[in-house]
Protein backbone atom coordinates (compact mmCIF):
# COMPACT_ATOMS: atom_id res chain seq x y z
CA MET A 1 106.17 208.07 194.43
CA ILE A 2 103.06 209.43 196.00
CA THR A 3 103.26 212.82 194.34
CA GLN A 4 100.50 213.98 192.02
CA ARG A 5 98.22 211.03 192.17
CA VAL A 6 95.14 209.92 193.96
CA GLN A 7 95.50 206.87 196.17
CA SER A 8 92.84 205.05 198.09
CA PHE A 9 93.46 203.13 201.28
CA ARG A 10 91.29 200.62 203.11
CA THR A 11 92.23 202.09 206.49
CA VAL A 12 94.07 205.05 207.97
CA ALA A 13 96.63 202.54 209.26
CA ASP A 14 97.34 201.55 205.64
CA LEU A 15 97.82 205.24 204.80
CA GLN A 16 100.31 205.59 207.66
CA LYS A 17 102.21 202.51 206.52
CA SER A 18 102.31 203.78 202.95
CA LEU A 19 103.65 207.15 204.08
CA ASP A 20 106.30 205.42 206.24
CA ASP A 21 107.40 203.28 203.28
CA HIS A 22 107.54 206.32 201.01
CA ILE A 23 109.61 208.29 203.54
CA ASN A 24 112.05 205.39 203.95
CA MET A 25 112.38 205.07 200.17
CA LEU A 26 113.12 208.80 199.85
CA LYS A 27 115.76 208.60 202.60
CA LEU A 28 117.46 205.74 200.77
CA LYS A 29 117.34 207.64 197.49
CA SER A 30 118.86 210.72 199.15
CA GLU A 31 121.68 208.66 200.66
CA GLU A 32 122.32 206.99 197.31
CA LEU A 33 122.56 210.34 195.52
CA SER A 34 124.92 211.66 198.22
CA LYS A 35 127.17 208.62 197.79
CA GLN A 36 127.21 209.07 194.02
CA VAL A 37 128.18 212.73 194.36
CA GLY A 38 130.93 211.82 196.83
CA GLU A 39 132.29 209.15 194.50
CA LYS A 40 132.26 211.55 191.54
CA LEU A 41 134.12 214.18 193.55
CA ARG A 42 136.73 211.66 194.79
CA VAL A 43 137.29 210.11 191.36
CA ASN A 44 137.65 213.47 189.64
CA ASP A 45 139.64 215.11 192.43
CA SER A 46 142.74 215.15 190.25
CA GLY A 47 140.79 216.43 187.23
CA ASN A 48 139.75 219.99 186.49
CA ALA A 49 140.53 221.84 189.73
CA VAL A 50 138.77 225.10 188.73
CA GLU A 51 135.38 223.44 188.15
CA LEU A 52 135.66 221.41 191.35
CA GLN A 53 136.65 224.51 193.33
CA GLU A 54 133.48 226.29 192.13
CA LEU A 55 131.35 223.29 193.10
CA ARG A 56 132.93 223.04 196.54
CA GLN A 57 132.19 226.74 197.10
CA LYS A 58 128.55 226.11 196.19
CA ILE A 59 128.39 223.13 198.56
CA GLU A 60 130.12 224.71 201.54
CA GLY A 61 128.89 228.24 200.98
CA SER A 62 131.18 231.07 200.09
CA THR A 63 132.38 233.65 202.64
CA THR A 64 132.41 236.36 199.99
CA ASP A 65 129.80 239.06 199.47
CA PRO A 66 126.33 237.54 198.82
CA LYS A 67 125.72 239.94 195.91
CA LYS A 68 128.74 238.54 194.06
CA LYS A 69 127.58 234.99 194.76
CA LYS A 70 124.18 235.58 193.20
CA SER A 71 125.55 237.23 190.08
CA ALA A 72 128.10 234.43 189.58
CA LYS A 73 125.33 231.88 189.90
CA LYS A 74 123.24 233.61 187.23
CA LYS A 75 126.24 233.79 184.90
CA ASP A 76 126.89 230.05 185.28
CA GLN A 77 123.30 229.18 184.51
CA LYS A 78 123.07 231.43 181.48
CA SER A 79 126.42 230.42 179.99
CA ASN A 80 126.36 226.67 180.64
CA TRP A 81 122.76 225.50 180.10
CA TYR A 82 120.92 225.89 176.79
CA ASN A 83 117.25 225.17 176.24
CA PHE A 84 116.18 223.22 173.16
CA ASP A 85 112.42 222.66 173.00
CA SER A 86 111.67 220.59 176.09
CA ILE A 87 115.23 219.79 177.21
CA SER A 88 118.19 221.69 178.63
CA ILE A 89 121.69 220.77 177.56
CA TYR A 90 124.88 221.53 179.45
CA ASP A 91 127.49 223.27 177.33
CA GLY A 92 130.67 221.42 178.05
CA ILE A 93 132.02 218.01 178.78
CA GLY A 94 133.08 217.26 182.29
CA ILE A 95 132.01 216.60 185.79
CA LYS A 96 130.47 220.00 186.53
CA GLY A 97 127.27 219.53 184.53
CA GLU A 98 126.78 216.01 185.85
CA LEU A 99 127.23 217.12 189.46
CA GLU A 100 124.79 220.00 188.97
CA LEU A 101 122.17 217.47 187.87
CA TYR A 102 122.87 215.31 190.93
CA PHE A 103 122.51 218.35 193.19
CA LYS A 104 119.19 219.28 191.59
CA ALA A 105 117.97 215.72 192.09
CA MET A 106 119.08 215.80 195.73
CA GLU A 107 117.22 219.07 196.33
CA GLN A 108 114.06 217.65 194.77
CA VAL A 109 114.25 214.45 196.85
CA LYS A 110 114.84 216.44 200.03
CA SER A 111 111.87 218.73 199.36
CA GLU A 112 109.65 215.71 198.64
CA LEU A 113 110.92 214.03 201.81
CA ASP A 114 110.09 217.14 203.81
CA ARG A 115 106.60 217.29 202.31
CA ALA A 116 105.90 213.59 202.98
CA THR A 117 107.21 213.91 206.55
CA LYS A 118 104.87 216.84 207.24
CA VAL A 119 101.88 214.90 205.88
CA LYS A 120 102.82 211.84 207.97
CA GLN A 121 103.14 213.97 211.09
CA ALA A 122 99.72 215.58 210.47
CA VAL A 123 98.04 212.18 209.98
CA ASP A 124 99.72 210.86 213.14
CA ASP A 125 98.47 213.91 215.07
CA PHE A 126 94.90 213.25 213.93
CA VAL A 127 95.16 209.61 214.98
CA ASN A 128 96.49 210.68 218.39
CA LYS A 129 93.54 213.07 218.77
CA GLY A 130 91.05 210.27 218.20
CA LEU A 131 90.71 209.60 214.48
CA LYS A 132 89.60 206.02 213.97
CA ARG A 133 92.31 203.97 212.32
CA ASP A 134 89.81 201.67 210.63
CA LEU A 135 88.28 204.37 208.42
CA GLY A 136 88.93 204.14 204.71
CA CYS A 137 90.43 207.18 202.95
CA VAL A 138 91.44 208.66 199.63
CA MET A 139 94.48 210.96 199.46
CA PHE A 140 95.73 213.41 196.85
CA LEU A 141 99.23 214.80 197.35
CA GLY A 142 100.27 217.27 194.68
CA GLN A 143 103.45 219.27 194.28
CA GLU A 144 102.38 221.69 197.00
CA LEU A 145 101.01 221.20 200.49
CA PRO A 146 98.40 220.66 201.87
CA ALA A 147 97.61 217.07 201.05
CA GLU A 148 93.90 216.45 200.56
CA ILE A 149 92.31 213.48 202.32
CA ALA A 150 88.69 212.34 202.10
CA PHE A 151 87.40 209.64 204.42
CA THR A 152 85.27 206.78 203.16
CA PRO A 153 83.41 203.99 204.91
CA THR A 154 85.58 201.06 205.82
CA ALA A 155 85.75 198.58 202.99
CA VAL A 156 84.29 195.26 204.06
CA LEU A 157 86.61 192.41 203.29
CA LYS A 158 85.02 189.50 201.51
CA LYS A 159 85.43 186.17 203.17
CA ARG A 160 87.86 183.86 201.48
CA PHE A 161 86.45 180.84 199.73
CA GLY A 162 86.99 177.69 201.72
CA PHE A 163 86.12 174.09 201.02
CA LYS A 164 86.11 171.49 203.72
CA ALA A 165 85.53 167.82 202.97
CA ILE A 166 86.53 164.42 204.22
CA PHE A 167 88.43 162.29 201.77
CA ASN A 168 88.31 158.52 202.34
CA VAL A 169 90.30 155.98 200.38
CA PRO A 170 89.93 152.24 201.00
CA ILE A 171 93.08 150.31 201.87
CA GLU A 172 94.43 148.25 199.00
CA ASP A 173 95.21 144.57 199.48
CA PRO A 174 98.76 143.73 198.45
CA TYR A 175 99.04 141.17 195.68
CA GLU A 176 101.70 138.55 195.64
CA VAL A 177 103.77 138.15 192.58
CA LYS A 178 105.36 134.72 192.20
CA ILE A 179 108.21 134.15 189.87
């Protein structure tokens, strides 16, 4: 992941490629999480109908009064999750706690995907406006936008070591072996 670290790139083109790769990886991760949630819902469809009904209402959005929806959400969070030092533990055994974790992971991946897409679009706009693609750069992308980019001189590539020589071997005379 690119988040919360400083990365240096030889060229702006390398930065664009890295952002493209990161965006593609996040899309795959989002699809994978969606498939896992779908499988969990299908497998446990015959299980606890009350818990699954609550989750489906959260997914699809309830048509009830929004004030009731918010209070129910706060009740669920207070009654089901308990904090112990640096971890939170779900109170109960079943699919509901597991699916809530998957949904939180999906939200985080989608927000990171959105952030990376915005940064990629901004870099592409600068390149279209005339930014040289052969400039070096250093980028810091934290949890919040904007991403910070500093340009550096283009790193000069060292020439690869090469050795050229002519190799001559004299022809051997065949010996006869008589038996």
